């Protein structure tokens, strides 16, 4: 249980100041929008693949997924010079998405 808490992301640690916008440009002429035509019918959706409960992301699976994210980030940024900060931002963003989608093991 304590391992799960240790792996939990705490949020965004820092932000950078935004840059100033020098100038905006005027919007060119916008053409007329045509009237929407009537919808005649809506057909049913075909075969929808239902989510398999075995493929759900559980808190227990997060540790192995985090390791996979670290490996993939290493591959993605292997040729980048001095991009450790970007690598960490991408890794943490993906980890936060997975953590928010994870279901409780209970």
N, C-alpha and C. Protein backbone atom coordinates (compact mmCIF):
# COMPACT_ATOMS: atom_id res chain seq x y z
N UNK A 1 0.83 -1.20 0.00
CA UNK A 1 0.00 0.00 0.00
C UNK A 1 0.87 1.26 0.00
N UNK A 2 1.97 1.23 0.76
CA UNK A 2 2.83 2.42 0.79
C UNK A 2 3.53 2.65 -0.53
N UNK A 3 3.78 1.55 -1.31
CA UNK A 3 4.39 1.71 -2.63
C UNK A 3 3.49 2.53 -3.55
N UNK A 4 2.16 2.31 -3.45
CA UNK A 4 1.23 3.06 -4.29
C UNK A 4 1.30 4.54 -3.98
N UNK A 5 1.37 4.89 -2.70
CA UNK A 5 1.44 6.29 -2.31
C UNK A 5 2.76 6.91 -2.75
N UNK A 6 3.84 6.13 -2.72
CA UNK A 6 5.15 6.64 -3.14
C UNK A 6 5.18 6.94 -4.63
N UNK A 7 4.44 6.18 -5.43
CA UNK A 7 4.43 6.36 -6.88
C UNK A 7 3.45 7.44 -7.33
N UNK A 8 2.60 7.90 -6.44
CA UNK A 8 1.57 8.86 -6.82
C UNK A 8 2.20 10.22 -7.12
N UNK A 9 1.80 10.80 -8.23
CA UNK A 9 2.31 12.12 -8.61
C UNK A 9 1.63 13.19 -7.76
N UNK A 10 2.37 14.19 -7.41
CA UNK A 10 1.85 15.23 -6.53
C UNK A 10 1.28 16.42 -7.28
N UNK A 11 1.48 16.51 -8.58
CA UNK A 11 0.94 17.63 -9.36
C UNK A 11 2.04 18.38 -10.08
N UNK A 12 1.73 19.56 -10.52
CA UNK A 12 2.67 20.39 -11.26
C UNK A 12 3.57 21.10 -10.27
N UNK A 13 4.87 21.01 -10.49
CA UNK A 13 5.83 21.59 -9.56
C UNK A 13 6.17 23.03 -9.89
N UNK A 14 6.21 23.35 -11.17
CA UNK A 14 6.58 24.71 -11.55
C UNK A 14 5.97 25.06 -12.90
N UNK A 15 5.86 26.32 -13.15
CA UNK A 15 5.38 26.79 -14.45
C UNK A 15 6.34 27.86 -14.95
N UNK A 16 6.31 28.09 -16.24
CA UNK A 16 7.15 29.13 -16.82
C UNK A 16 6.30 30.34 -17.14
N UNK A 17 6.89 31.51 -17.09
CA UNK A 17 6.20 32.75 -17.42
C UNK A 17 5.88 32.75 -18.91
N UNK A 18 4.69 33.20 -19.27
CA UNK A 18 4.32 33.25 -20.68
C UNK A 18 5.04 34.40 -21.37
N UNK A 19 5.18 34.25 -22.67
CA UNK A 19 5.84 35.31 -23.43
C UNK A 19 4.82 36.33 -23.89
N UNK A 20 5.26 37.50 -24.17
CA UNK A 20 4.38 38.59 -24.58
C UNK A 20 4.03 38.45 -26.06
N UNK A 21 2.80 38.78 -26.40
CA UNK A 21 2.37 38.80 -27.80
C UNK A 21 2.68 40.18 -28.35
N UNK A 22 3.45 40.22 -29.43
CA UNK A 22 3.86 41.50 -29.99
C UNK A 22 2.69 42.23 -30.64
N UNK A 23 1.90 41.48 -31.41
CA UNK A 23 0.85 42.16 -32.16
C UNK A 23 -0.13 41.11 -32.69
N UNK A 24 -1.35 41.50 -32.84
CA UNK A 24 -2.35 40.61 -33.43
C UNK A 24 -2.70 41.11 -34.82
N UNK A 25 -3.20 40.22 -35.65
CA UNK A 25 -3.57 40.61 -37.01
C UNK A 25 -5.09 40.65 -37.12
N UNK A 26 -5.55 41.48 -37.98
CA UNK A 26 -6.98 41.63 -38.22
C UNK A 26 -7.49 40.39 -38.96
N UNK A 27 -8.71 40.00 -38.65
CA UNK A 27 -9.32 38.84 -39.31
C UNK A 27 -9.78 39.27 -40.69
N UNK A 28 -9.48 38.42 -41.68
CA UNK A 28 -9.92 38.76 -43.04
C UNK A 28 -11.42 38.49 -43.16
N UNK A 29 -11.96 38.77 -44.29
CA UNK A 29 -13.39 38.65 -44.54
C UNK A 29 -13.88 37.23 -44.28
N UNK A 30 -14.96 37.10 -43.52
CA UNK A 30 -15.55 35.80 -43.24
C UNK A 30 -16.76 35.62 -44.15
N UNK A 31 -16.78 34.52 -44.89
CA UNK A 31 -17.88 34.27 -45.82
C UNK A 31 -19.16 33.89 -45.10
N UNK A 32 -20.25 33.93 -45.83
CA UNK A 32 -21.57 33.60 -45.31
C UNK A 32 -21.61 32.12 -44.93
N UNK A 33 -22.27 31.83 -43.83
CA UNK A 33 -22.44 30.44 -43.39
C UNK A 33 -23.77 29.94 -43.93
N UNK A 34 -23.74 28.83 -44.64
CA UNK A 34 -24.96 28.28 -45.22
C UNK A 34 -25.86 27.68 -44.15
N UNK A 35 -27.15 27.69 -44.43
CA UNK A 35 -28.14 27.12 -43.54
C UNK A 35 -27.93 25.60 -43.47
N UNK A 36 -28.09 25.07 -42.28
CA UNK A 36 -27.93 23.63 -42.10
C UNK A 36 -29.15 22.92 -42.68
N UNK A 37 -28.91 21.86 -43.44
CA UNK A 37 -30.01 21.11 -44.03
C UNK A 37 -30.54 20.10 -43.00
N UNK A 38 -31.74 19.67 -43.20
CA UNK A 38 -32.39 18.74 -42.28
C UNK A 38 -31.67 17.39 -42.28
N UNK A 39 -31.56 16.79 -41.10
CA UNK A 39 -31.00 15.44 -40.98
C UNK A 39 -32.12 14.47 -41.26
N UNK A 40 -31.93 13.60 -42.24
CA UNK A 40 -33.00 12.67 -42.64
C UNK A 40 -33.13 11.51 -41.67
N UNK A 41 -32.02 10.91 -41.28
CA UNK A 41 -32.09 9.80 -40.33
C UNK A 41 -30.72 9.56 -39.71
N UNK A 42 -30.75 8.85 -38.63
CA UNK A 42 -29.51 8.46 -37.96
C UNK A 42 -29.55 6.95 -37.83
N UNK A 43 -28.54 6.29 -38.35
CA UNK A 43 -28.52 4.83 -38.28
C UNK A 43 -27.84 4.39 -36.99
N UNK A 44 -28.11 3.18 -36.60
CA UNK A 44 -27.52 2.66 -35.37
C UNK A 44 -26.04 2.39 -35.59
N UNK A 45 -25.32 2.42 -34.52
CA UNK A 45 -23.89 2.15 -34.59
C UNK A 45 -23.70 0.65 -34.72
N UNK A 46 -22.75 0.27 -35.52
CA UNK A 46 -22.49 -1.15 -35.73
C UNK A 46 -21.89 -1.81 -34.50
N UNK A 47 -20.96 -2.65 -34.71
CA UNK A 47 -20.35 -3.42 -33.64
C UNK A 47 -19.41 -2.54 -32.82
N UNK A 48 -19.74 -2.33 -31.58
CA UNK A 48 -18.88 -1.56 -30.68
C UNK A 48 -18.17 -2.53 -29.75
N UNK A 49 -16.88 -2.41 -29.71
CA UNK A 49 -16.11 -3.30 -28.82
C UNK A 49 -16.24 -2.77 -27.40
N UNK A 50 -16.77 -3.58 -26.53
CA UNK A 50 -16.93 -3.17 -25.14
C UNK A 50 -15.60 -3.34 -24.42
N UNK A 51 -15.39 -2.48 -23.43
CA UNK A 51 -14.14 -2.54 -22.66
C UNK A 51 -14.06 -3.85 -21.90
N UNK A 52 -12.93 -4.48 -21.99
CA UNK A 52 -12.69 -5.73 -21.28
C UNK A 52 -12.26 -5.40 -19.85
N UNK A 53 -12.97 -5.90 -18.84
CA UNK A 53 -12.58 -5.58 -17.46
C UNK A 53 -11.15 -6.00 -17.13
N UNK A 54 -10.64 -7.00 -17.83
CA UNK A 54 -9.28 -7.46 -17.58
C UNK A 54 -8.25 -6.44 -18.05
N UNK A 55 -8.65 -5.56 -18.98
CA UNK A 55 -7.71 -4.57 -19.50
C UNK A 55 -7.77 -3.24 -18.75
N UNK A 56 -8.61 -3.16 -17.73
CA UNK A 56 -8.73 -1.92 -16.96
C UNK A 56 -7.41 -1.61 -16.26
N UNK A 57 -7.15 -0.33 -16.10
CA UNK A 57 -5.94 0.10 -15.41
C UNK A 57 -6.25 0.13 -13.91
N UNK A 58 -5.55 -0.70 -13.17
CA UNK A 58 -5.73 -0.71 -11.72
C UNK A 58 -4.51 -0.08 -11.08
N UNK A 59 -4.65 0.28 -9.83
CA UNK A 59 -3.53 0.88 -9.09
C UNK A 59 -2.36 -0.10 -9.06
N UNK A 60 -2.65 -1.39 -9.00
CA UNK A 60 -1.59 -2.40 -8.96
C UNK A 60 -0.78 -2.44 -10.26
N UNK A 61 -1.43 -2.14 -11.40
CA UNK A 61 -0.74 -2.17 -12.69
C UNK A 61 0.08 -0.89 -12.95
N UNK A 62 -0.18 0.15 -12.17
CA UNK A 62 0.49 1.43 -12.43
C UNK A 62 2.01 1.34 -12.37
N UNK A 63 2.53 0.58 -11.42
CA UNK A 63 3.99 0.49 -11.26
C UNK A 63 4.65 -0.03 -12.53
N UNK A 64 4.09 -1.08 -13.12
CA UNK A 64 4.67 -1.62 -14.36
C UNK A 64 4.47 -0.66 -15.52
N UNK A 65 3.34 0.04 -15.53
CA UNK A 65 3.10 1.03 -16.59
C UNK A 65 4.07 2.21 -16.47
N UNK A 66 4.36 2.62 -15.24
CA UNK A 66 5.33 3.71 -15.03
C UNK A 66 6.70 3.32 -15.56
N UNK A 67 7.11 2.08 -15.33
CA UNK A 67 8.40 1.61 -15.84
C UNK A 67 8.42 1.64 -17.37
N UNK A 68 7.30 1.25 -17.98
CA UNK A 68 7.19 1.27 -19.44
C UNK A 68 7.26 2.71 -19.97
N UNK A 69 6.62 3.63 -19.27
CA UNK A 69 6.66 5.04 -19.67
C UNK A 69 8.09 5.56 -19.61
N UNK A 70 8.82 5.21 -18.57
CA UNK A 70 10.21 5.64 -18.45
C UNK A 70 11.06 5.11 -19.61
N UNK A 71 10.86 3.84 -19.98
CA UNK A 71 11.61 3.25 -21.10
C UNK A 71 11.28 3.95 -22.41
N UNK A 72 10.00 4.18 -22.64
CA UNK A 72 9.59 4.83 -23.89
C UNK A 72 10.08 6.27 -23.96
N UNK A 73 10.09 6.96 -22.83
CA UNK A 73 10.59 8.34 -22.81
C UNK A 73 12.08 8.36 -23.13
N UNK A 74 12.82 7.36 -22.62
CA UNK A 74 14.25 7.25 -22.93
C UNK A 74 14.46 7.09 -24.43
N UNK A 75 13.62 6.26 -25.07
CA UNK A 75 13.73 6.07 -26.52
C UNK A 75 13.36 7.35 -27.27
N UNK A 76 12.28 7.98 -26.85
CA UNK A 76 11.78 9.17 -27.53
C UNK A 76 12.79 10.31 -27.49
N UNK A 77 13.46 10.48 -26.36
CA UNK A 77 14.39 11.59 -26.18
C UNK A 77 15.85 11.15 -26.28
N UNK A 78 16.13 9.99 -26.86
CA UNK A 78 17.51 9.48 -26.91
C UNK A 78 18.44 10.37 -27.75
N UNK A 79 17.92 10.98 -28.79
CA UNK A 79 18.75 11.83 -29.65
C UNK A 79 18.70 13.31 -29.29
N UNK A 80 17.88 13.65 -28.34
CA UNK A 80 17.71 15.05 -27.96
C UNK A 80 18.82 15.47 -26.99
N UNK A 81 19.37 16.62 -27.25
CA UNK A 81 20.41 17.14 -26.37
C UNK A 81 19.79 18.10 -25.36
N UNK A 82 20.13 17.93 -24.10
CA UNK A 82 19.69 18.82 -23.03
C UNK A 82 18.18 18.97 -22.96
N UNK A 83 17.45 17.90 -23.21
CA UNK A 83 16.00 17.96 -23.13
C UNK A 83 15.47 17.16 -21.95
N UNK A 84 16.22 17.08 -20.89
CA UNK A 84 15.80 16.35 -19.70
C UNK A 84 14.51 16.94 -19.12
N UNK A 85 14.40 18.26 -19.16
CA UNK A 85 13.21 18.92 -18.62
C UNK A 85 11.97 18.52 -19.42
N UNK A 86 12.08 18.53 -20.75
CA UNK A 86 10.94 18.14 -21.60
C UNK A 86 10.60 16.68 -21.39
N UNK A 87 11.61 15.85 -21.26
CA UNK A 87 11.42 14.42 -21.03
C UNK A 87 10.62 14.20 -19.75
N UNK A 88 10.98 14.90 -18.69
CA UNK A 88 10.29 14.76 -17.41
C UNK A 88 8.86 15.28 -17.50
N UNK A 89 8.65 16.36 -18.22
CA UNK A 89 7.30 16.92 -18.39
C UNK A 89 6.40 15.91 -19.09
N UNK A 90 6.91 15.31 -20.17
CA UNK A 90 6.12 14.33 -20.92
C UNK A 90 5.83 13.11 -20.05
N UNK A 91 6.87 12.60 -19.38
CA UNK A 91 6.69 11.43 -18.52
C UNK A 91 5.63 11.69 -17.45
N UNK A 92 5.74 12.80 -16.76
CA UNK A 92 4.82 13.10 -15.67
C UNK A 92 3.40 13.33 -16.17
N UNK A 93 3.27 13.94 -17.35
CA UNK A 93 1.93 14.16 -17.91
C UNK A 93 1.25 12.83 -18.22
N UNK A 94 1.98 11.92 -18.85
CA UNK A 94 1.41 10.61 -19.17
C UNK A 94 1.08 9.85 -17.89
N UNK A 95 1.94 9.93 -16.91
CA UNK A 95 1.69 9.24 -15.64
C UNK A 95 0.45 9.81 -14.94
N UNK A 96 0.26 11.12 -15.00
CA UNK A 96 -0.92 11.71 -14.37
C UNK A 96 -2.20 11.25 -15.07
N UNK A 97 -2.16 11.13 -16.40
CA UNK A 97 -3.33 10.66 -17.14
C UNK A 97 -3.67 9.22 -16.72
N UNK A 98 -2.66 8.37 -16.67
CA UNK A 98 -2.90 6.98 -16.27
C UNK A 98 -3.42 6.90 -14.85
N UNK A 99 -2.84 7.67 -13.97
CA UNK A 99 -3.27 7.64 -12.58
C UNK A 99 -4.71 8.08 -12.42
N UNK A 100 -5.10 9.09 -13.19
CA UNK A 100 -6.48 9.57 -13.09
C UNK A 100 -7.46 8.55 -13.68
N UNK A 101 -7.00 7.74 -14.63
CA UNK A 101 -7.87 6.74 -15.26
C UNK A 101 -7.88 5.42 -14.49
N UNK A 102 -6.96 5.26 -13.56
CA UNK A 102 -6.85 3.99 -12.84
C UNK A 102 -8.04 3.79 -11.91
N UNK A 103 -8.44 2.53 -11.81
CA UNK A 103 -9.52 2.18 -10.92
C UNK A 103 -8.95 1.68 -9.60
N UNK A 104 -9.71 1.85 -8.54
CA UNK A 104 -9.27 1.30 -7.26
C UNK A 104 -9.28 -0.20 -7.32
N UNK A 105 -8.33 -0.83 -6.63
CA UNK A 105 -8.22 -2.29 -6.64
C UNK A 105 -9.33 -2.99 -5.85
N UNK A 106 -10.03 -2.23 -5.07
CA UNK A 106 -11.03 -2.82 -4.18
C UNK A 106 -12.19 -3.40 -4.91
